[in-house]
Amino acid sequence: MLLQDRTAIVYGGGGSIGSAVARTFAAEGARVYLAGRTPEPVERVAKEIANSGGMASATVLDVFDEQAVTEHAAAVAREAGRLDVSMNLIRVRGLQGVPLIDMAVDDVTTLVHDQLRANFITARAAAKHMVEQGSGVILALNSGSAVGSTMMGSTGPADAALDVLIRNLAAEIGPSGVRVAGIWTAGLPETITREKLAEHGAVVDEEGLRGILANLDQMRMTKRSPRLSEVAGTAAFLASDRAGAITGTFLNVSSGMFTTS
């Protein structure tokens, strides 16, 4: 198993990607601590993992609450004896589908602030313990829109900020034995619903949704969009010793939507 006897915190563990990552971590032998703002999803996933023979527990937590995140990470490290993996997979909403020149200042800058704040708070909380123990892996995820994507609105600048945070943090704490890396992915079919599209300002019917998914497939080099299991499997690999030489970068798990890595 890739993560046998490891301790991992998955923030946003009740969401589509977060739950897939939590289940994969547990299947690979990790004790998983799921954290999320809404109790039902994280508790459900933790129960499913436990029923499948894995080790998991759930905590209601707002990642924007600096003190609560810090105390939770300390409690996990104290209970488990160490903290090996931290991955932030919370979903921060932003406005997309509108040309940048037509957006209000707050429409662009709010997501940059929120995504950077949430990831910095969780990464710092984990890093304090990992630096002290001399090992650990901090992971993040975004859409890769910072490489140059049109009509992505505030997502591109927010992804760019997160990219820089991960790279600079990796450089600073790498000498202490801690790796920091991320995953770029977007347009996972299992996560795209009409309701979620509406949150980003796109109102479509079922036919429109099918068209969006088909178009996403055609944008890939493989003509096939990545799946949740592939993203979760990549996260487990990155968190494991097999990826021991990977840090300060993002793995491109977009099925070739773009070539920059």
Protein backbone atom coordinates (compact mmCIF):
# COMPACT_ATOMS: atom_id res chain seq x y z
CA MET A 1 0.00 0.00 0.00
CA LEU A 2 1.26 3.45 -0.92
CA LEU A 3 0.24 5.16 2.32
CA GLN A 4 0.42 2.40 4.90
CA ASP A 5 0.42 3.84 8.45
CA ARG A 6 0.34 7.43 7.21
CA THR A 7 -1.88 10.11 8.72
CA ALA A 8 -3.66 12.42 6.28
CA ILE A 9 -5.98 15.39 6.57
CA VAL A 10 -8.29 16.01 3.61
CA TYR A 11 -9.95 19.41 3.71
CA GLY A 12 -13.18 19.41 1.74
CA GLY A 13 -13.37 15.66 2.23
CA GLY A 14 -17.11 15.58 1.65
CA GLY A 15 -16.97 17.03 -1.85
CA SER A 16 -16.75 15.18 -5.16
CA ILE A 17 -12.96 15.30 -5.45
CA GLY A 18 -12.30 15.36 -1.71
CA SER A 19 -14.31 12.21 -1.06
CA ALA A 20 -12.61 10.37 -3.93
CA VAL A 21 -9.18 11.34 -2.59
CA ALA A 22 -10.14 10.41 0.99
CA ARG A 23 -11.37 6.97 -0.11
CA THR A 24 -8.21 6.37 -2.15
CA PHE A 25 -5.93 7.46 0.68
CA ALA A 26 -7.76 5.09 3.03
CA ALA A 27 -7.61 2.24 0.52
CA GLU A 28 -3.86 2.79 0.33
CA GLY A 29 -3.54 2.36 4.11
CA ALA A 30 -3.77 5.89 5.47
CA ARG A 31 -5.74 6.99 8.51
CA VAL A 32 -7.81 9.82 7.05
CA TYR A 33 -9.14 12.82 8.92
CA LEU A 34 -11.86 14.44 6.83
CA ALA A 35 -12.63 18.09 7.46
CA GLY A 36 -15.44 20.16 6.01
CA ARG A 37 -17.84 22.94 6.83
CA THR A 38 -20.99 20.84 6.38
CA PRO A 39 -21.30 17.84 8.73
CA GLU A 40 -23.39 15.43 6.65
CA PRO A 41 -21.02 14.92 3.68
CA VAL A 42 -17.81 14.41 5.66
CA GLU A 43 -19.54 12.15 8.19
CA ARG A 44 -21.06 10.08 5.39
CA VAL A 45 -17.71 9.60 3.65
CA ALA A 46 -15.96 8.73 6.92
CA LYS A 47 -18.63 6.13 7.65
CA GLU A 48 -18.33 4.65 4.15
CA ILE A 49 -14.56 4.35 4.57
CA ALA A 50 -14.94 2.70 7.97
CA ASN A 51 -17.55 0.28 6.60
CA SER A 52 -15.08 -0.69 3.88
CA GLY A 53 -12.43 -1.54 6.45
CA GLY A 54 -10.54 1.74 6.32
CA MET A 55 -9.70 4.23 9.04
CA ALA A 56 -11.40 7.62 8.95
CA SER A 57 -12.98 10.27 11.12
CA ALA A 58 -14.81 13.49 10.34
CA THR A 59 -14.61 17.00 11.80
CA VAL A 60 -16.75 20.02 11.05
CA LEU A 61 -14.28 22.76 10.23
CA ASP A 62 -14.22 26.06 8.37
CA VAL A 63 -10.85 26.39 6.63
CA PHE A 64 -11.12 30.16 6.77
CA ASP A 65 -11.02 29.97 10.56
CA GLU A 66 -7.29 30.23 11.22
CA GLN A 67 -7.44 29.26 14.89
CA ALA A 68 -9.75 26.30 14.31
CA VAL A 69 -7.56 24.90 11.53
CA THR A 70 -4.41 25.30 13.60
CA GLU A 71 -5.98 23.59 16.60
CA HIS A 72 -7.38 20.77 14.46
CA ALA A 73 -4.00 20.01 12.85
CA ALA A 74 -2.40 19.99 16.30
CA ALA A 75 -5.08 17.63 17.60
CA VAL A 76 -4.58 15.25 14.67
CA ALA A 77 -0.82 15.23 15.14
CA ARG A 78 -1.23 14.66 18.85
CA GLU A 79 -3.75 11.83 18.47
CA ALA A 80 -1.96 10.03 15.63
CA GLY A 81 1.55 10.82 16.79
CA ARG A 82 2.39 12.55 13.51
CA LEU A 83 0.92 14.31 10.48
CA ASP A 84 2.12 12.99 7.14
CA VAL A 85 -0.18 14.39 4.46
CA SER A 86 -2.35 17.48 4.16
CA MET A 87 -4.47 18.19 1.07
CA ASN A 88 -6.80 21.13 0.61
CA LEU A 89 -9.70 20.30 -1.71
CA ILE A 90 -12.30 22.82 -0.65
CA ARG A 91 -14.29 24.44 -3.44
CA VAL A 92 -14.13 28.22 -3.55
CA ARG A 93 -16.65 29.70 -5.95
CA GLY A 94 -15.64 32.29 -8.54
CA LEU A 95 -17.18 33.98 -11.54
CA GLN A 96 -16.42 32.39 -14.92
CA GLY A 97 -17.72 32.78 -18.46
CA VAL A 98 -17.40 36.57 -18.45
CA PRO A 99 -14.62 38.50 -20.24
CA LEU A 100 -12.16 39.98 -17.76
CA ILE A 101 -12.74 43.50 -19.09
CA ASP A 102 -16.44 43.16 -18.23
CA MET A 103 -15.86 42.02 -14.65
CA ALA A 104 -15.99 44.14 -11.52
CA VAL A 105 -12.83 44.44 -9.46
CA ASP A 106 -14.31 42.46 -6.56
CA ASP A 107 -15.42 39.68 -8.93
CA VAL A 108 -11.76 39.07 -9.77
CA THR A 109 -9.99 39.76 -6.50
CA THR A 110 -12.34 38.04 -4.06
CA LEU A 111 -11.57 34.54 -5.35
CA VAL A 112 -7.84 35.28 -5.39
CA HIS A 113 -8.03 36.29 -1.74
CA ASP A 114 -10.27 33.41 -0.67
CA GLN A 115 -8.38 30.63 -2.44
CA LEU A 116 -5.00 31.90 -1.27
CA ARG A 117 -6.19 32.40 2.31
CA ALA A 118 -7.78 28.96 2.60
CA ASN A 119 -4.76 27.14 1.21
CA PHE A 120 -2.24 29.17 3.18
CA ILE A 121 -4.04 28.56 6.47
CA THR A 122 -4.19 24.78 5.98
CA ALA A 123 -0.69 24.48 4.53
CA ARG A 124 0.90 26.48 7.32
CA ALA A 125 -0.94 24.51 10.00
CA ALA A 126 0.41 21.25 8.59
CA ALA A 127 3.87 22.59 7.82
CA LYS A 128 4.53 23.52 11.44
CA HIS A 129 4.23 19.86 12.48
CA MET A 130 5.91 18.40 9.40
CA VAL A 131 8.98 20.61 9.71
CA GLU A 132 9.34 19.58 13.34
CA GLN A 133 9.10 15.85 12.53
CA GLY A 134 11.32 16.20 9.44
CA SER A 135 8.90 14.78 6.88
CA GLY A 136 5.51 15.29 5.27
CA VAL A 137 3.66 16.19 2.11
CA ILE A 138 1.38 19.17 1.49
CA LEU A 139 -0.82 19.02 -1.60
CA ALA A 140 -3.12 21.43 -3.40
CA LEU A 141 -5.32 21.38 -6.48
CA ASN A 142 -6.47 23.91 -9.03
CA SER A 143 -7.61 24.03 -12.64
CA GLY A 144 -4.31 25.09 -14.20
CA SER A 145 -5.97 28.20 -15.59
CA ALA A 146 -2.92 30.29 -14.73
CA VAL A 147 -1.19 28.95 -17.85
CA GLY A 148 -3.52 31.04 -19.99
CA SER A 149 -7.19 30.19 -20.32
CA THR A 150 -9.87 32.42 -21.80
CA MET A 151 -13.22 33.13 -20.15
CA MET A 152 -12.10 31.64 -16.85
CA GLY A 153 -12.71 34.93 -15.08
CA SER A 154 -11.29 35.09 -11.56
CA THR A 155 -10.12 31.46 -11.66
CA GLY A 156 -6.93 32.19 -13.61
CA PRO A 157 -5.52 34.81 -11.22
CA ALA A 158 -6.56 32.71 -8.21
CA ASP A 159 -4.82 29.64 -9.62
CA ALA A 160 -1.70 31.69 -10.30
CA ALA A 161 -1.57 32.84 -6.69
CA LEU A 162 -1.91 29.27 -5.44
CA ASP A 163 0.75 28.05 -7.87
CA VAL A 164 3.25 30.56 -6.49
CA LEU A 165 2.37 29.78 -2.87
CA ILE A 166 3.03 26.06 -3.42
CA ARG A 167 6.32 26.61 -5.26
CA ASN A 168 7.69 29.11 -2.75
CA LEU A 169 6.60 27.09 0.27
CA ALA A 170 8.29 24.02 -1.23
CA ALA A 171 11.53 25.95 -1.59
CA GLU A 172 11.43 27.19 1.99
CA ILE A 173 10.58 23.97 3.84
CA GLY A 174 12.14 21.45 1.47
CA PRO A 175 15.41 21.40 3.45
CA SER A 176 13.38 20.21 6.45
CA GLY A 177 12.24 17.12 4.55
CA VAL A 178 8.78 18.38 3.60
CA ARG A 179 7.49 18.22 0.03
CA VAL A 180 4.86 20.61 -1.35
CA ALA A 181 3.17 19.98 -4.68
CA GLY A 182 -0.12 20.13 -6.51
CA ILE A 183 -2.37 18.83 -9.24
CA TRP A 184 -3.85 20.67 -12.19
CA THR A 185 -7.12 19.28 -13.42
CA ALA A 186 -10.44 20.59 -14.69
CA GLY A 187 -13.68 19.48 -16.23
CA LEU A 188 -14.08 16.12 -14.48
CA PRO A 189 -17.37 14.71 -15.84
CA GLU A 190 -18.43 13.26 -12.49
CA THR A 191 -18.26 16.69 -10.88
CA ILE A 192 -20.13 18.75 -13.49
CA THR A 193 -23.82 19.25 -12.91
CA ARG A 194 -26.30 21.88 -13.99
CA GLU A 195 -26.46 23.12 -10.40
CA LYS A 196 -22.72 23.62 -10.14
CA LEU A 197 -22.59 25.36 -13.51
CA ALA A 198 -25.29 27.73 -12.32
CA GLU A 199 -23.10 28.69 -9.36
CA HIS A 200 -20.59 30.01 -11.90
CA GLY A 201 -23.25 31.90 -13.83
CA ALA A 202 -23.92 29.31 -16.57
CA VAL A 203 -27.55 28.19 -16.87
CA VAL A 204 -27.97 25.16 -19.15
CA ASP A 205 -30.48 22.37 -19.75
CA GLU A 206 -29.65 18.65 -19.98
CA GLU A 207 -28.82 18.88 -23.67
CA GLY A 208 -26.56 21.82 -22.97
CA LEU A 209 -24.79 19.86 -20.24
CA ARG A 210 -24.16 16.95 -22.60
CA GLY A 211 -22.76 19.40 -25.12
CA ILE A 212 -20.39 20.88 -22.53
CA LEU A 213 -19.08 17.45 -21.56
CA ALA A 214 -18.61 16.45 -25.20
CA ASN A 215 -16.77 19.70 -25.90
CA LEU A 216 -14.50 19.12 -22.91
CA ASP A 217 -13.58 15.69 -24.30
CA GLN A 218 -12.64 17.24 -27.63
CA MET A 219 -10.36 19.77 -25.93
CA ARG A 220 -8.10 16.98 -24.63
CA MET A 221 -5.21 15.38 -26.47
CA THR A 222 -6.71 12.02 -25.56
CA LYS A 223 -10.25 13.12 -26.53
CA ARG A 224 -11.30 11.87 -23.11
CA SER A 225 -11.69 13.89 -19.95
CA PRO A 226 -9.87 12.75 -16.79
CA ARG A 227 -11.83 10.82 -14.19
CA LEU A 228 -12.09 11.23 -10.44
CA SER A 229 -10.28 7.95 -9.86
CA GLU A 230 -7.32 9.16 -11.91
CA VAL A 231 -7.03 12.41 -9.99
CA ALA A 232 -7.35 10.59 -6.65
CA GLY A 233 -4.77 8.02 -7.72
CA THR A 234 -2.36 10.79 -8.67
CA ALA A 235 -2.86 12.42 -5.28
CA ALA A 236 -2.08 9.14 -3.51
CA PHE A 237 1.07 8.74 -5.60
CA LEU A 238 2.19 12.30 -4.84
CA ALA A 239 1.61 11.72 -1.13
CA SER A 240 3.69 8.54 -1.16
CA ASP A 241 7.42 7.88 -0.97
CA ARG A 242 7.36 6.86 -4.64
CA ALA A 243 7.04 10.56 -5.46
CA GLY A 244 9.89 11.44 -3.12
CA ALA A 245 11.70 13.49 -5.76
CA ILE A 246 8.66 15.56 -6.75
CA THR A 247 8.18 18.91 -5.07
CA GLY A 248 7.64 22.56 -5.94
CA THR A 249 5.54 21.76 -9.00
CA PHE A 250 2.09 20.79 -10.24
CA LEU A 251 1.32 17.57 -12.09
CA ASN A 252 -0.79 18.12 -15.19
CA VAL A 253 -3.73 15.72 -14.87
CA SER A 254 -5.87 17.32 -17.56
CA SER A 255 -5.67 14.62 -20.27
CA GLY A 256 -3.67 17.10 -22.31
CA MET A 257 -6.02 20.08 -22.14
CA PHE A 258 -2.84 22.16 -22.12
CA THR A 259 0.83 21.25 -22.46
CA THR A 260 2.51 23.39 -19.80
CA SER A 261 3.66 21.35 -16.78
